[in-house]
Each structure stands twice: as structure tokens, then as C-alpha cells.
Amino acid sequence: MLTGVLSRLSLQRLNWPQRVVKALDEMGLRRLGDCLRLPREGFARRLGVERLAELDRALGRLPEARTAWVPASRFSLSVDLHSEYLDRERLMRAIRPLFEQLQRYLVVRQSGVQLVELKLHHLRAPASPVVLRLLSPAYQAEHFHALLGGHMERIELPEPVVALTLRAGRLQPLTAVSGDLLASRQRMGGGGLSAGRLVECLRARLGRRAVYGVGLQPDYRPDRAWRRVEPVASHESGHFVQLNRPLWLLKSPTPLRQQQGWPWQEGRLRIEAGPERIESGWWDGADISRDYYLARNAYQQWLWIYRERQGARRWYLHGLFA
């Protein structure tokens, strides 16, 4: 049955060198069945023993060793608590040994993780999940424990905790990075956190939606030139046009007073640069047509203002520079 099916297979389908297929074609052999009808000794002498072995493995005459799939190593640990825990401080102390075991597991493998999942099991209510997301691979139990403390401030436990389950995400190799000597001294003296660790702590305490990164969008409209992204541990310089944009862009433009056609805010604003004309968005119904200016008020604050090019041609404040 198998031999009959494979005999109709073209030799072009085989992963054989083209010179071998061409030599067989010149001998009038174009299908697998043509090769199977040849004397085995002559076939091996002309084309090699390995080609004959390939045919035998395809027909099941020789065993074909396959590399077994080995699932990626993952850390998972479950423990039953000796008593019911509802007090957060006692619960945090009970969880610490799990993080210490995770650290030992990661140190031996010279790996880190960016995802740690903890389930707080209750007697009757569904388990309360806590997910720790990190910007870069980490292995330190102290760091995991500190992030968990931020999450625990926001969690409402429906019942006392009777068991714990800790699972880690995919293992990632740890890369050693040489730090700056002076920066290291400053951190040690001031007790500060790195930018990545600070973001992780803020997200644990305030929630993922409260702390996010900012990415560029290919759009000239200031309100749509950026998007929310997941924070990353390091930033690579992108290729973008350097424009004079304010650090603080207002959520919605604020109308300015106007006298004799000039914008006012505690007095007449002084135009320092501009206009920069932005006309875009006609294709999605949110089109704008504005002339933007760099202005300064009586308190020497630098403002980003614009004037409508259509309709009432009013002036608006859209952003403030540092």
C-alpha cells in the first residue's frame, strides 16, 4: 500500500541534490517507483548508500530516529498553609519562601523571568490571582516580593488564604551588563531605583493602565501622533523628524481670549516662531487645518498655540513647554 503510493511520487519532490536528480532523469528515472525497481546493489554503488537508506526509511524498512520534543522548563510550586491567612503582613511572610525557591531555581539555570503568576487559594471562593510583569528578566526573590507588596495593597481578599501556587513564565538567559561606576555610586548613596525597577514598582502599586510607555504614530495631528505602549527596559533611538513640540500637551485645546485678532493670556502673547501649518486627517473625518506658533506670555512661559484656518479663526492653547 505505502510502496504503491510513494512510487507515483516525482523525484523532484525529494530533497536530493539537483545533480543526482538530473543524473537519474538522464537514465529515464523520473519517479520514485523507477528507483525502487533498480537492483539495490547497483543503486547504492551509483548514488550512494545514504540515498538507499533514505528510501528504506521512507518505506519503513529502516527505523527513523526522531528527536523527542522536550517542553521548556517552567517553575511551578504549590503549598498548603498550616492555617488560614487574612492578614496581609503574615501572608507576605508566608509567600517569601516561595520566591526564595524560585530564585534558587533561576540561579542554577542562570536564567530570569519576566512573568510570575501567584494564586491565593481560598476554602470556598475562587482563587485570587496576582500577576507580576517585569520589564526585563529578573531572578531576585527580594524584587519579586517588593512588587507583590504593591499588588497586595490593591487586592481585596474575599476569604482567608489556605494555599498558594506560584508559577513562573518562560526562562530567559540573564545577560551581564557592565554598569557605570559613578552612576553606581550615586545609586548606592542615594538609595534610588533604576528607571526600569521604578516603572515596575509603580505599575504594581497603581495598576498597569496607570503607567505606560509612549510610542510614536505616523500622524501629523498632535493629538494622534502618539500611542500607549508597554514600557520596555531600554529604549532604542528611532528615526523621526525632530520637531519643536511641548512636553505638556493639553488633553483638549483651550480657547484663548482675543483682542484685535491677537491672542491674550494675562496680556497679549508674544509670537516667537511660526507658523507651522498642519493640515491632515481628511480621510477619517477628524481633519484639522491649523497654524501653530511658539508664543510667550507675560510670565515668560513658553506656549504652543494655534489659530484655526477655517471658520471663526479662533486662537487656542494646545501645549506648554517646560
C-alpha atoms as a PDB file:
ATOM      1  CA  MET A   1       0.000   0.000   0.000  1.00  0.00           C
ATOM      2  CA  LEU A   2       2.670   2.515   1.069  1.00  0.00           C
ATOM      3  CA  THR A   3       5.004   1.421  -1.706  1.00  0.00           C
ATOM      4  CA  GLY A   4       2.289   1.924  -4.310  1.00  0.00           C
ATOM      5  CA  VAL A   5       1.523   5.453  -3.110  1.00  0.00           C
ATOM      6  CA  LEU A   6       5.163   6.541  -2.908  1.00  0.00           C
ATOM      7  CA  SER A   7       6.001   5.006  -6.279  1.00  0.00           C
ATOM      8  CA  ARG A   8       3.980   7.734  -8.017  1.00  0.00           C
ATOM      9  CA  LEU A   9       5.970  10.489  -6.315  1.00  0.00           C
ATOM     10  CA  SER A  10       8.164  12.597  -8.614  1.00  0.00           C
ATOM     11  CA  LEU A  11      11.873  12.644  -7.836  1.00  0.00           C
ATOM     12  CA  GLN A  12      11.681  16.427  -7.956  1.00  0.00           C
ATOM     13  CA  ARG A  13       9.775  16.221  -4.657  1.00  0.00           C
ATOM     14  CA  LEU A  14      12.747  14.640  -2.888  1.00  0.00           C
ATOM     15  CA  ASN A  15      15.296  16.721  -1.090  1.00  0.00           C
ATOM     16  CA  TRP A  16      18.097  15.263  -3.172  1.00  0.00           C
ATOM     17  CA  PRO A  17      20.884  17.296  -4.817  1.00  0.00           C
ATOM     18  CA  GLN A  18      19.928  18.546  -8.250  1.00  0.00           C
ATOM     19  CA  ARG A  19      22.876  16.764  -9.863  1.00  0.00           C
ATOM     20  CA  VAL A  20      21.545  13.422  -8.558  1.00  0.00           C
ATOM     21  CA  VAL A  21      18.024  14.103  -9.852  1.00  0.00           C
ATOM     22  CA  LYS A  22      19.460  15.188 -13.211  1.00  0.00           C
ATOM     23  CA  ALA A  23      21.578  12.036 -13.485  1.00  0.00           C
ATOM     24  CA  LEU A  24      18.516   9.873 -12.779  1.00  0.00           C
ATOM     25  CA  ASP A  25      16.471  11.821 -15.323  1.00  0.00           C
ATOM     26  CA  GLU A  26      19.123  11.160 -17.991  1.00  0.00           C
ATOM     27  CA  MET A  27      18.728   7.456 -17.229  1.00  0.00           C
ATOM     28  CA  GLY A  28      14.958   7.723 -17.704  1.00  0.00           C
ATOM     29  CA  LEU A  29      14.180   7.536 -13.992  1.00  0.00           C
ATOM     30  CA  ARG A  30      11.664  10.242 -13.075  1.00  0.00           C
ATOM     31  CA  ARG A  31       9.560   8.724 -10.292  1.00  0.00           C
ATOM     32  CA  LEU A  32      10.319   7.023  -7.016  1.00  0.00           C
ATOM     33  CA  GLY A  33       8.930   3.748  -8.330  1.00  0.00           C
ATOM     34  CA  ASP A  34      11.568   3.772 -11.108  1.00  0.00           C
ATOM     35  CA  CYS A  35      14.303   3.827  -8.450  1.00  0.00           C
ATOM     36  CA  LEU A  36      12.646   1.065  -6.415  1.00  0.00           C
ATOM     37  CA  ARG A  37      12.742  -1.274  -9.412  1.00  0.00           C
ATOM     38  CA  LEU A  38      16.528  -0.933  -9.759  1.00  0.00           C
ATOM     39  CA  PRO A  39      18.877  -3.530  -8.195  1.00  0.00           C
ATOM     40  CA  ARG A  40      19.746  -2.366  -4.686  1.00  0.00           C
ATOM     41  CA  GLU A  41      23.481  -3.039  -5.045  1.00  0.00           C
ATOM     42  CA  GLY A  42      23.711  -1.098  -8.278  1.00  0.00           C
ATOM     43  CA  PHE A  43      21.633   1.798  -6.896  1.00  0.00           C
ATOM     44  CA  ALA A  44      23.888   2.056  -3.826  1.00  0.00           C
ATOM     45  CA  ARG A  45      27.041   1.893  -5.949  1.00  0.00           C
ATOM     46  CA  ARG A  46      25.891   4.620  -8.340  1.00  0.00           C
ATOM     47  CA  LEU A  47      24.106   7.037  -5.968  1.00  0.00           C
ATOM     48  CA  GLY A  48      25.450   6.160  -2.543  1.00  0.00           C
ATOM     49  CA  VAL A  49      24.370   4.091   0.430  1.00  0.00           C
ATOM     50  CA  GLU A  50      22.716   7.109   2.077  1.00  0.00           C
ATOM     51  CA  ARG A  51      20.232   7.528  -0.803  1.00  0.00           C
ATOM     52  CA  LEU A  52      19.258   3.866  -0.496  1.00  0.00           C
ATOM     53  CA  ALA A  53      18.863   4.260   3.269  1.00  0.00           C
ATOM     54  CA  GLU A  54      16.547   7.244   2.697  1.00  0.00           C
ATOM     55  CA  LEU A  55      14.281   5.100   0.519  1.00  0.00           C
ATOM     56  CA  ASP A  56      14.271   2.312   3.111  1.00  0.00           C
ATOM     57  CA  ARG A  57      13.326   4.747   5.885  1.00  0.00           C
ATOM     58  CA  ALA A  58      10.514   6.158   3.735  1.00  0.00           C
ATOM     59  CA  LEU A  59       9.140   2.634   3.211  1.00  0.00           C
ATOM     60  CA  GLY A  60       9.524   1.663   6.868  1.00  0.00           C
ATOM     61  CA  ARG A  61      12.294  -0.866   6.239  1.00  0.00           C
ATOM     62  CA  LEU A  62      14.720   1.045   8.461  1.00  0.00           C
ATOM     63  CA  PRO A  63      13.898   2.853  11.713  1.00  0.00           C
ATOM     64  CA  GLU A  64      13.945   6.638  11.580  1.00  0.00           C
ATOM     65  CA  ALA A  65      15.215   8.202  14.788  1.00  0.00           C
ATOM     66  CA  ARG A  66      13.314  11.321  15.765  1.00  0.00           C
ATOM     67  CA  THR A  67      14.452  13.877  18.317  1.00  0.00           C
ATOM     68  CA  ALA A  68      11.868  13.894  21.069  1.00  0.00           C
ATOM     69  CA  TRP A  69      10.224  17.224  21.834  1.00  0.00           C
ATOM     70  CA  VAL A  70      11.175  18.416  25.285  1.00  0.00           C
ATOM     71  CA  PRO A  71       8.893  21.071  26.785  1.00  0.00           C
ATOM     72  CA  ALA A  72      10.530  24.209  28.077  1.00  0.00           C
ATOM     73  CA  SER A  73      11.421  24.158  31.743  1.00  0.00           C
ATOM     74  CA  ARG A  74       8.947  26.076  33.902  1.00  0.00           C
ATOM     75  CA  PHE A  75       8.920  26.651  37.632  1.00  0.00           C
ATOM     76  CA  SER A  76       5.744  25.644  39.441  1.00  0.00           C
ATOM     77  CA  LEU A  77       5.211  25.202  43.160  1.00  0.00           C
ATOM     78  CA  SER A  78       2.112  24.699  45.300  1.00  0.00           C
ATOM     79  CA  VAL A  79       1.974  24.690  49.099  1.00  0.00           C
ATOM     80  CA  ASP A  80      -0.792  24.288  51.656  1.00  0.00           C
ATOM     81  CA  LEU A  81      -0.662  26.752  54.522  1.00  0.00           C
ATOM     82  CA  HIS A  82      -0.816  25.484  58.096  1.00  0.00           C
ATOM     83  CA  SER A  83      -3.541  27.963  58.975  1.00  0.00           C
ATOM     84  CA  GLU A  84      -5.848  30.476  57.346  1.00  0.00           C
ATOM     85  CA  TYR A  85      -4.208  33.778  56.454  1.00  0.00           C
ATOM     86  CA  LEU A  86      -6.116  37.026  56.047  1.00  0.00           C
ATOM     87  CA  ASP A  87      -3.615  39.492  57.485  1.00  0.00           C
ATOM     88  CA  ARG A  88      -1.500  40.834  54.624  1.00  0.00           C
ATOM     89  CA  GLU A  89       1.759  41.029  56.567  1.00  0.00           C
ATOM     90  CA  ARG A  90       1.526  37.401  57.696  1.00  0.00           C
ATOM     91  CA  LEU A  91       0.571  36.378  54.178  1.00  0.00           C
ATOM     92  CA  MET A  92       3.574  38.206  52.696  1.00  0.00           C
ATOM     93  CA  ARG A  93       5.872  36.372  55.121  1.00  0.00           C
ATOM     94  CA  ALA A  94       4.323  33.055  54.090  1.00  0.00           C
ATOM     95  CA  ILE A  95       4.880  33.815  50.390  1.00  0.00           C
ATOM     96  CA  ARG A  96       8.546  34.820  50.741  1.00  0.00           C
ATOM     97  CA  PRO A  97       9.899  31.202  50.875  1.00  0.00           C
ATOM     98  CA  LEU A  98       8.247  30.506  47.503  1.00  0.00           C
ATOM     99  CA  PHE A  99      10.108  33.407  45.924  1.00  0.00           C
ATOM    100  CA  GLU A 100      13.340  32.195  47.518  1.00  0.00           C
ATOM    101  CA  GLN A 101      12.856  28.755  45.963  1.00  0.00           C
ATOM    102  CA  LEU A 102      12.180  30.429  42.616  1.00  0.00           C
ATOM    103  CA  GLN A 103      15.407  32.398  42.970  1.00  0.00           C
ATOM    104  CA  ARG A 104      17.437  29.241  43.647  1.00  0.00           C
ATOM    105  CA  TYR A 105      15.805  27.581  40.633  1.00  0.00           C
ATOM    106  CA  LEU A 106      16.726  30.512  38.368  1.00  0.00           C
ATOM    107  CA  VAL A 107      20.265  30.981  39.698  1.00  0.00           C
ATOM    108  CA  VAL A 108      21.179  27.356  38.974  1.00  0.00           C
ATOM    109  CA  ARG A 109      19.967  27.802  35.376  1.00  0.00           C
ATOM    110  CA  GLN A 110      21.477  31.288  35.008  1.00  0.00           C
ATOM    111  CA  SER A 111      18.077  32.485  33.857  1.00  0.00           C
ATOM    112  CA  GLY A 112      15.470  35.079  34.665  1.00  0.00           C
ATOM    113  CA  VAL A 113      11.755  35.516  34.060  1.00  0.00           C
ATOM    114  CA  GLN A 114       9.535  38.411  33.078  1.00  0.00           C
ATOM    115  CA  LEU A 115       6.276  36.860  34.260  1.00  0.00           C
ATOM    116  CA  VAL A 116       5.392  35.422  37.663  1.00  0.00           C
ATOM    117  CA  GLU A 117       1.867  34.236  38.490  1.00  0.00           C
ATOM    118  CA  LEU A 118       0.705  33.733  42.054  1.00  0.00           C
ATOM    119  CA  LYS A 119      -2.650  32.241  43.026  1.00  0.00           C
ATOM    120  CA  LEU A 120      -4.056  32.730  46.501  1.00  0.00           C
ATOM    121  CA  HIS A 121      -6.430  29.818  47.129  1.00  0.00           C
ATOM    122  CA  HIS A 122      -9.440  30.137  49.418  1.00  0.00           C
ATOM    123  CA  LEU A 123     -11.602  27.498  51.018  1.00  0.00           C
ATOM    124  CA  ARG A 124     -14.819  28.324  49.156  1.00  0.00           C
ATOM    125  CA  ALA A 125     -14.235  31.365  46.927  1.00  0.00           C
ATOM    126  CA  PRO A 126     -12.330  31.195  43.616  1.00  0.00           C
ATOM    127  CA  ALA A 127      -8.582  31.734  43.801  1.00  0.00           C
ATOM    128  CA  SER A 128      -7.309  35.334  43.789  1.00  0.00           C
ATOM    129  CA  PRO A 129      -4.688  35.720  41.011  1.00  0.00           C
ATOM    130  CA  VAL A 130      -1.730  38.094  41.169  1.00  0.00           C
ATOM    131  CA  VAL A 131       0.415  38.587  38.055  1.00  0.00           C
ATOM    132  CA  LEU A 132       3.859  40.197  38.244  1.00  0.00           C
ATOM    133  CA  ARG A 133       5.087  41.569  34.910  1.00  0.00           C
ATOM    134  CA  LEU A 134       8.682  42.717  34.632  1.00  0.00           C
ATOM    135  CA  LEU A 135      10.355  44.872  32.002  1.00  0.00           C
ATOM    136  CA  SER A 136      13.478  42.709  31.882  1.00  0.00           C
ATOM    137  CA  PRO A 137      14.374  39.201  33.083  1.00  0.00           C
ATOM    138  CA  ALA A 138      14.865  39.074  36.852  1.00  0.00           C
ATOM    139  CA  TYR A 139      15.629  36.371  39.402  1.00  0.00           C
ATOM    140  CA  GLN A 140      15.875  38.122  42.777  1.00  0.00           C
ATOM    141  CA  ALA A 141      13.362  36.976  45.387  1.00  0.00           C
ATOM    142  CA  GLU A 142      13.560  40.374  47.082  1.00  0.00           C
ATOM    143  CA  HIS A 143      12.458  42.130  43.893  1.00  0.00           C
ATOM    144  CA  PHE A 144       9.525  39.750  43.345  1.00  0.00           C
ATOM    145  CA  HIS A 145       8.495  40.208  46.962  1.00  0.00           C
ATOM    146  CA  ALA A 146       8.623  44.018  46.690  1.00  0.00           C
ATOM    147  CA  LEU A 147       6.453  44.007  43.560  1.00  0.00           C
ATOM    148  CA  LEU A 148       3.968  41.697  45.243  1.00  0.00           C
ATOM    149  CA  GLY A 149       3.704  44.174  48.112  1.00  0.00           C
ATOM    150  CA  GLY A 150       2.473  46.826  45.680  1.00  0.00           C
ATOM    151  CA  HIS A 151      -0.156  44.465  44.295  1.00  0.00           C
ATOM    152  CA  MET A 152      -1.329  43.375  47.733  1.00  0.00           C
ATOM    153  CA  GLU A 153      -2.259  46.957  48.603  1.00  0.00           C
ATOM    154  CA  ARG A 154      -4.905  46.866  45.852  1.00  0.00           C
ATOM    155  CA  ILE A 155      -6.255  43.339  46.352  1.00  0.00           C
ATOM    156  CA  GLU A 156      -9.446  42.642  48.286  1.00  0.00           C
ATOM    157  CA  LEU A 157      -9.367  39.076  49.582  1.00  0.00           C
ATOM    158  CA  PRO A 158     -12.858  37.518  49.702  1.00  0.00           C
ATOM    159  CA  GLU A 159     -11.777  34.895  52.246  1.00  0.00           C
ATOM    160  CA  PRO A 160      -8.691  33.818  54.184  1.00  0.00           C
ATOM    161  CA  VAL A 161      -5.939  32.196  52.101  1.00  0.00           C
ATOM    162  CA  VAL A 162      -5.380  28.479  52.697  1.00  0.00           C
ATOM    163  CA  ALA A 163      -2.949  27.549  49.887  1.00  0.00           C
ATOM    164  CA  LEU A 164      -0.515  29.139  47.427  1.00  0.00           C
ATOM    165  CA  THR A 165       0.518  28.339  43.855  1.00  0.00           C
ATOM    166  CA  LEU A 166       3.494  30.058  42.229  1.00  0.00           C
ATOM    167  CA  ARG A 167       4.270  29.677  38.527  1.00  0.00           C
ATOM    168  CA  ALA A 168       6.980  31.400  36.514  1.00  0.00           C
ATOM    169  CA  GLY A 169       6.924  32.269  32.839  1.00  0.00           C
ATOM    170  CA  ARG A 170       9.370  31.254  30.128  1.00  0.00           C
ATOM    171  CA  LEU A 171      13.004  31.187  31.211  1.00  0.00           C
ATOM    172  CA  GLN A 172      15.251  33.755  29.568  1.00  0.00           C
ATOM    173  CA  PRO A 173      19.043  33.898  29.756  1.00  0.00           C
ATOM    174  CA  LEU A 174      20.464  36.565  32.018  1.00  0.00           C
ATOM    175  CA  THR A 175      22.860  38.964  30.317  1.00  0.00           C
ATOM    176  CA  ALA A 176      25.570  40.598  32.378  1.00  0.00           C
ATOM    177  CA  VAL A 177      25.810  44.334  31.734  1.00  0.00           C
ATOM    178  CA  SER A 178      28.719  46.477  32.879  1.00  0.00           C
ATOM    179  CA  GLY A 179      27.353  49.435  34.785  1.00  0.00           C
ATOM    180  CA  ASP A 180      28.703  52.946  35.104  1.00  0.00           C
ATOM    181  CA  LEU A 181      30.983  53.338  38.136  1.00  0.00           C
ATOM    182  CA  LEU A 182      29.854  56.848  39.042  1.00  0.00           C
ATOM    183  CA  ALA A 183      26.186  56.055  38.411  1.00  0.00           C
ATOM    184  CA  SER A 184      26.511  53.004  40.638  1.00  0.00           C
ATOM    185  CA  ARG A 185      27.933  55.130  43.439  1.00  0.00           C
ATOM    186  CA  GLN A 186      25.120  57.608  43.105  1.00  0.00           C
ATOM    187  CA  ARG A 187      22.524  54.853  43.293  1.00  0.00           C
ATOM    188  CA  MET A 188      24.223  53.309  46.306  1.00  0.00           C
ATOM    189  CA  GLY A 189      24.484  56.645  48.085  1.00  0.00           C
ATOM    190  CA  GLY A 190      21.020  57.873  47.244  1.00  0.00           C
ATOM    191  CA  GLY A 191      19.266  54.547  47.506  1.00  0.00           C
ATOM    192  CA  GLY A 192      17.444  55.171  44.229  1.00  0.00           C
ATOM    193  CA  LEU A 193      15.976  52.680  41.798  1.00  0.00           C
ATOM    194  CA  SER A 194      16.809  52.212  38.149  1.00  0.00           C
ATOM    195  CA  ALA A 195      14.241  53.523  35.705  1.00  0.00           C
ATOM    196  CA  GLY A 196      13.040  50.010  34.867  1.00  0.00           C
ATOM    197  CA  ARG A 197      12.634  48.981  38.500  1.00  0.00           C
ATOM    198  CA  LEU A 198      10.836  52.235  39.279  1.00  0.00           C
ATOM    199  CA  VAL A 199       8.316  51.623  36.478  1.00  0.00           C
ATOM    200  CA  GLU A 200       7.739  48.061  37.692  1.00  0.00           C
ATOM    201  CA  CYS A 201       7.085  49.263  41.248  1.00  0.00           C
ATOM    202  CA  LEU A 202       4.709  51.995  40.080  1.00  0.00           C
ATOM    203  CA  ARG A 203       2.742  49.566  37.908  1.00  0.00           C
ATOM    204  CA  ALA A 204       2.477  47.108  40.781  1.00  0.00           C
ATOM    205  CA  ARG A 205       1.189  49.817  43.111  1.00  0.00           C
ATOM    206  CA  LEU A 206      -1.026  51.811  40.711  1.00  0.00           C
ATOM    207  CA  GLY A 207      -2.011  49.223  38.087  1.00  0.00           C
ATOM    208  CA  ARG A 208      -0.943  48.529  34.517  1.00  0.00           C
ATOM    209  CA  ARG A 209      -3.221  51.135  32.948  1.00  0.00           C
ATOM    210  CA  ALA A 210      -1.915  53.917  35.187  1.00  0.00           C
ATOM    211  CA  VAL A 211       1.711  53.616  33.999  1.00  0.00           C
ATOM    212  CA  TYR A 212       2.533  53.069  30.345  1.00  0.00           C
ATOM    213  CA  GLY A 213       5.058  53.928  27.683  1.00  0.00           C
ATOM    214  CA  VAL A 214       4.595  56.345  24.813  1.00  0.00           C
ATOM    215  CA  GLY A 215       5.211  55.381  21.203  1.00  0.00           C
ATOM    216  CA  LEU A 216       5.187  57.412  18.024  1.00  0.00           C
ATOM    217  CA  GLN A 217       2.388  57.277  15.484  1.00  0.00           C
ATOM    218  CA  PRO A 218       2.873  58.268  11.817  1.00  0.00           C
ATOM    219  CA  ASP A 219       0.375  61.136  12.043  1.00  0.00           C
ATOM    220  CA  TYR A 220       0.932  64.893  11.801  1.00  0.00           C
ATOM    221  CA  ARG A 221      -2.006  65.693  14.081  1.00  0.00           C
ATOM    222  CA  PRO A 222      -0.536  66.352  17.557  1.00  0.00           C
ATOM    223  CA  ASP A 223      -3.349  64.529  19.378  1.00  0.00           C
ATOM    224  CA  ARG A 224      -2.796  61.402  17.283  1.00  0.00           C
ATOM    225  CA  ALA A 225       0.979  61.438  16.888  1.00  0.00           C
ATOM    226  CA  TRP A 226       1.462  59.138  19.883  1.00  0.00           C
ATOM    227  CA  ARG A 227       0.040  55.915  21.319  1.00  0.00           C
ATOM    228  CA  ARG A 228       0.169  53.954  24.544  1.00  0.00           C
ATOM    229  CA  VAL A 229       2.659  51.082  24.540  1.00  0.00           C
ATOM    230  CA  GLU A 230       4.000  48.609  27.050  1.00  0.00           C
ATOM    231  CA  PRO A 231       7.027  50.027  28.885  1.00  0.00           C
ATOM    232  CA  VAL A 232      10.364  48.494  27.914  1.00  0.00           C
ATOM    233  CA  ALA A 233      13.571  48.176  29.871  1.00  0.00           C
ATOM    234  CA  SER A 234      15.678  50.033  27.302  1.00  0.00           C
ATOM    235  CA  HIS A 235      14.897  52.459  24.536  1.00  0.00           C
ATOM    236  CA  GLU A 236      16.438  52.485  21.089  1.00  0.00           C
ATOM    237  CA  SER A 237      16.650  55.692  19.151  1.00  0.00           C
ATOM    238  CA  GLY A 238      14.070  55.770  16.414  1.00  0.00           C
ATOM    239  CA  HIS A 239      14.217  57.616  13.128  1.00  0.00           C
ATOM    240  CA  PHE A 240      11.830  60.525  13.310  1.00  0.00           C
ATOM    241  CA  VAL A 241      11.749  64.147  12.344  1.00  0.00           C
ATOM    242  CA  GLN A 242      12.842  66.449  15.162  1.00  0.00           C
ATOM    243  CA  LEU A 243      10.000  68.918  15.715  1.00  0.00           C
ATOM    244  CA  ASN A 244       9.553  71.636  18.298  1.00  0.00           C
ATOM    245  CA  ARG A 245       6.870  70.085  20.470  1.00  0.00           C
ATOM    246  CA  PRO A 246       5.848  70.903  24.070  1.00  0.00           C
ATOM    247  CA  LEU A 247       6.462  68.497  26.908  1.00  0.00           C
ATOM    248  CA  TRP A 248       2.892  69.006  28.168  1.00  0.00           C
ATOM    249  CA  LEU A 249       0.229  68.598  25.511  1.00  0.00           C
ATOM    250  CA  LEU A 250      -3.215  69.526  26.817  1.00  0.00           C
ATOM    251  CA  LYS A 251      -5.891  66.857  26.656  1.00  0.00           C
ATOM    252  CA  SER A 252      -8.056  69.258  24.660  1.00  0.00           C
ATOM    253  CA  PRO A 253      -7.106  72.696  23.302  1.00  0.00           C
ATOM    254  CA  THR A 254      -8.175  75.667  25.469  1.00  0.00           C
ATOM    255  CA  PRO A 255      -9.689  78.734  23.742  1.00  0.00           C
ATOM    256  CA  LEU A 256      -7.711  81.953  24.248  1.00  0.00           C
ATOM    257  CA  ARG A 257      -9.049  85.477  24.599  1.00  0.00           C
ATOM    258  CA  GLN A 258      -8.629  87.537  21.503  1.00  0.00           C
ATOM    259  CA  GLN A 259      -8.237  91.294  21.038  1.00  0.00           C
ATOM    260  CA  GLN A 260      -7.886  92.873  17.618  1.00  0.00           C
ATOM    261  CA  GLY A 261      -7.014  89.475  16.180  1.00  0.00           C
ATOM    262  CA  TRP A 262      -4.194  88.756  18.680  1.00  0.00           C
ATOM    263  CA  PRO A 263      -4.213  86.017  21.353  1.00  0.00           C
ATOM    264  CA  TRP A 264      -4.258  87.092  25.000  1.00  0.00           C
ATOM    265  CA  GLN A 265      -3.452  85.354  28.285  1.00  0.00           C
ATOM    266  CA  GLU A 266      -2.854  87.777  31.157  1.00  0.00           C
ATOM    267  CA  GLY A 267      -1.881  90.197  28.421  1.00  0.00           C
ATOM    268  CA  ARG A 268      -1.053  89.957  24.764  1.00  0.00           C
ATOM    269  CA  LEU A 269       1.005  86.899  23.830  1.00  0.00           C
ATOM    270  CA  ARG A 270       4.282  87.472  22.040  1.00  0.00           C
ATOM    271  CA  ILE A 271       4.734  85.315  18.948  1.00  0.00           C
ATOM    272  CA  GLU A 272       8.309  83.977  18.866  1.00  0.00           C
ATOM    273  CA  ALA A 273       8.191  81.476  15.991  1.00  0.00           C
ATOM    274  CA  GLY A 274       5.818  80.152  13.373  1.00  0.00           C
ATOM    275  CA  PRO A 275       3.599  79.487  11.700  1.00  0.00           C
ATOM    276  CA  GLU A 276       3.844  75.720  11.321  1.00  0.00           C
ATOM    277  CA  ARG A 277       0.903  74.672   9.212  1.00  0.00           C
ATOM    278  CA  ILE A 278      -0.733  71.320   9.915  1.00  0.00           C
ATOM    279  CA  GLU A 279      -3.471  70.121   7.580  1.00  0.00           C
ATOM    280  CA  SER A 280      -4.314  66.450   7.888  1.00  0.00           C
ATOM    281  CA  GLY A 281      -6.997  63.880   8.664  1.00  0.00           C
ATOM    282  CA  TRP A 282      -9.445  64.458   5.815  1.00  0.00           C
ATOM    283  CA  TRP A 283      -9.676  60.687   5.230  1.00  0.00           C
ATOM    284  CA  ASP A 284     -11.056  59.746   8.681  1.00  0.00           C
ATOM    285  CA  GLY A 285     -13.425  62.636   9.396  1.00  0.00           C
ATOM    286  CA  ALA A 286     -11.163  64.204  12.060  1.00  0.00           C
ATOM    287  CA  ASP A 287      -9.432  66.647   9.745  1.00  0.00           C
ATOM    288  CA  ILE A 288      -7.697  69.760  11.062  1.00  0.00           C
ATOM    289  CA  SER A 289      -6.358  72.900   9.402  1.00  0.00           C
ATOM    290  CA  ARG A 290      -4.260  74.974  11.805  1.00  0.00           C
ATOM    291  CA  ASP A 291      -1.314  77.349  12.001  1.00  0.00           C
ATOM    292  CA  TYR A 292       0.817  76.620  15.085  1.00  0.00           C
ATOM    293  CA  TYR A 293       3.017  79.209  16.791  1.00  0.00           C
ATOM    294  CA  LEU A 294       5.562  79.321  19.574  1.00  0.00           C
ATOM    295  CA  ALA A 295       4.483  82.114  21.938  1.00  0.00           C
ATOM    296  CA  ARG A 296       5.480  83.630  25.265  1.00  0.00           C
ATOM    297  CA  ASN A 297       3.226  85.208  27.889  1.00  0.00           C
ATOM    298  CA  ALA A 298       3.837  87.979  30.429  1.00  0.00           C
ATOM    299  CA  TYR A 299       5.320  85.444  32.908  1.00  0.00           C
ATOM    300  CA  GLN A 300       7.878  84.325  30.294  1.00  0.00           C
ATOM    301  CA  GLN A 301       6.192  80.946  29.917  1.00  0.00           C
ATOM    302  CA  TRP A 302       6.594  79.324  26.529  1.00  0.00           C
ATOM    303  CA  LEU A 303       3.318  78.209  24.979  1.00  0.00           C
ATOM    304  CA  TRP A 304       2.299  76.240  21.925  1.00  0.00           C
ATOM    305  CA  ILE A 305      -0.730  77.915  20.379  1.00  0.00           C
ATOM    306  CA  TYR A 306      -2.557  77.681  17.096  1.00  0.00           C
ATOM    307  CA  ARG A 307      -5.099  79.558  15.049  1.00  0.00           C
ATOM    308  CA  GLU A 308      -7.828  77.906  13.034  1.00  0.00           C
ATOM    309  CA  ARG A 309      -7.537  78.446   9.319  1.00  0.00           C
ATOM    310  CA  GLN A 310     -11.243  77.925   8.733  1.00  0.00           C
ATOM    311  CA  GLY A 311     -14.451  79.094  10.375  1.00  0.00           C
ATOM    312  CA  ALA A 312     -14.099  81.667  13.172  1.00  0.00           C
ATOM    313  CA  ARG A 313     -10.247  81.533  13.031  1.00  0.00           C
ATOM    314  CA  ARG A 314     -10.014  81.464  16.822  1.00  0.00           C
ATOM    315  CA  TRP A 315      -6.818  81.082  18.851  1.00  0.00           C
ATOM    316  CA  TYR A 316      -6.221  78.057  21.119  1.00  0.00           C
ATOM    317  CA  LEU A 317      -3.622  76.977  23.658  1.00  0.00           C
ATOM    318  CA  HIS A 318      -2.537  73.399  22.933  1.00  0.00           C
ATOM    319  CA  GLY A 319       0.612  72.828  24.979  1.00  0.00           C
ATOM    320  CA  LEU A 320       3.159  74.191  27.439  1.00  0.00           C
ATOM    321  CA  PHE A 321       6.921  73.894  27.317  1.00  0.00           C
ATOM    322  CA  ALA A 322       8.996  73.172  30.410  1.00  0.00           C
END
